[in-house]
Amino acid sequence: METAEPPAAAGVRMDWWAVPSTVRSRVEASLGSPWPDAVTQVGGFSPGVAARVRLADGGGSS
């Protein structure tokens, strides 16, 4: 049986804007407001996305 190696914990995160637009659209829909800006947070131990968004209605999510 072949096993896949987990990604290295290099502290390099995927950029928010590299996430497929269909996923970003679903996140926007679940937050209930479009966002004019999102900032990818750097560092950490996961190659996953970590981003802060400022919503068009003034709210935010981090």
C-alpha atoms as a PDB file:
ATOM      1  CA  MET A   1       0.000   0.000   0.000  1.00  0.00           C
ATOM      2  CA  GLU A   2       1.345   3.405  -0.982  1.00  0.00           C
ATOM      3  CA  THR A   3       0.996   6.247   1.516  1.00  0.00           C
ATOM      4  CA  ALA A   4       1.216   9.938   0.799  1.00  0.00           C
ATOM      5  CA  GLU A   5       3.657  12.053   2.733  1.00  0.00           C
ATOM      6  CA  PRO A   6       2.046  14.883   4.695  1.00  0.00           C
ATOM      7  CA  PRO A   7       3.073  18.384   3.634  1.00  0.00           C
ATOM      8  CA  ALA A   8       6.043  19.805   5.458  1.00  0.00           C
ATOM      9  CA  ALA A   9       5.244  22.182   8.296  1.00  0.00           C
ATOM     10  CA  ALA A  10       7.285  24.955   6.790  1.00  0.00           C
ATOM     11  CA  GLY A  11       5.204  27.897   7.986  1.00  0.00           C
ATOM     12  CA  VAL A  12       4.237  28.901   4.445  1.00  0.00           C
ATOM     13  CA  ARG A  13       0.529  29.406   4.027  1.00  0.00           C
ATOM     14  CA  MET A  14      -1.528  29.297   0.857  1.00  0.00           C
ATOM     15  CA  ASP A  15      -2.575  32.798  -0.188  1.00  0.00           C
ATOM     16  CA  TRP A  16      -6.302  33.583   0.177  1.00  0.00           C
ATOM     17  CA  TRP A  17      -6.534  34.672  -3.453  1.00  0.00           C
ATOM     18  CA  ALA A  18      -5.140  31.284  -4.563  1.00  0.00           C
ATOM     19  CA  VAL A  19      -8.216  29.570  -3.092  1.00  0.00           C
ATOM     20  CA  PRO A  20     -10.642  28.584  -5.892  1.00  0.00           C
ATOM     21  CA  SER A  21     -13.286  31.259  -6.526  1.00  0.00           C
ATOM     22  CA  THR A  22     -16.078  28.763  -5.852  1.00  0.00           C
ATOM     23  CA  VAL A  23     -14.760  28.251  -2.309  1.00  0.00           C
ATOM     24  CA  ARG A  24     -14.315  32.007  -1.731  1.00  0.00           C
ATOM     25  CA  SER A  25     -17.898  32.556  -2.942  1.00  0.00           C
ATOM     26  CA  ARG A  26     -19.256  29.997  -0.466  1.00  0.00           C
ATOM     27  CA  VAL A  27     -17.350  31.628   2.384  1.00  0.00           C
ATOM     28  CA  GLU A  28     -18.754  35.024   1.345  1.00  0.00           C
ATOM     29  CA  ALA A  29     -22.272  33.575   1.285  1.00  0.00           C
ATOM     30  CA  SER A  30     -21.863  32.044   4.744  1.00  0.00           C
ATOM     31  CA  LEU A  31     -20.606  35.371   6.170  1.00  0.00           C
ATOM     32  CA  GLY A  32     -23.584  37.178   4.642  1.00  0.00           C
ATOM     33  CA  SER A  33     -21.647  40.067   3.131  1.00  0.00           C
ATOM     34  CA  PRO A  34     -19.119  40.555   0.345  1.00  0.00           C
ATOM     35  CA  TRP A  35     -15.628  41.682   1.289  1.00  0.00           C
ATOM     36  CA  PRO A  36     -13.514  44.249  -0.461  1.00  0.00           C
ATOM     37  CA  ASP A  37     -10.282  42.943   1.040  1.00  0.00           C
ATOM     38  CA  ALA A  38      -8.686  39.866   2.590  1.00  0.00           C
ATOM     39  CA  VAL A  39      -5.189  39.575   4.020  1.00  0.00           C
ATOM     40  CA  THR A  40      -3.428  36.231   4.243  1.00  0.00           C
ATOM     41  CA  GLN A  41      -1.846  35.664   7.643  1.00  0.00           C
ATOM     42  CA  VAL A  42       1.735  34.402   7.475  1.00  0.00           C
ATOM     43  CA  GLY A  43       3.507  31.825   9.598  1.00  0.00           C
ATOM     44  CA  GLY A  44       2.194  28.883  11.512  1.00  0.00           C
ATOM     45  CA  PHE A  45       2.624  25.161  11.099  1.00  0.00           C
ATOM     46  CA  SER A  46       0.035  24.469   8.419  1.00  0.00           C
ATOM     47  CA  PRO A  47       0.124  25.029   4.673  1.00  0.00           C
ATOM     48  CA  GLY A  48      -3.617  25.782   4.906  1.00  0.00           C
ATOM     49  CA  VAL A  49      -5.208  29.195   4.461  1.00  0.00           C
ATOM     50  CA  ALA A  50      -5.473  31.650   7.341  1.00  0.00           C
ATOM     51  CA  ALA A  51      -6.900  35.017   6.327  1.00  0.00           C
ATOM     52  CA  ARG A  52      -8.561  38.054   7.851  1.00  0.00           C
ATOM     53  CA  VAL A  53     -11.381  39.599   5.885  1.00  0.00           C
ATOM     54  CA  ARG A  54     -13.035  42.976   6.273  1.00  0.00           C
ATOM     55  CA  LEU A  55     -16.648  42.759   5.194  1.00  0.00           C
ATOM     56  CA  ALA A  56     -18.374  45.407   3.081  1.00  0.00           C
ATOM     57  CA  ASP A  57     -20.942  45.915   5.861  1.00  0.00           C
ATOM     58  CA  GLY A  58     -18.144  46.829   8.297  1.00  0.00           C
ATOM     59  CA  GLY A  59     -17.950  43.476  10.059  1.00  0.00           C
ATOM     60  CA  GLY A  60     -14.983  41.212  10.045  1.00  0.00           C
ATOM     61  CA  SER A  61     -13.859  37.679  10.516  1.00  0.00           C
ATOM     62  CA  SER A  62     -10.480  36.355  11.558  1.00  0.00           C
END
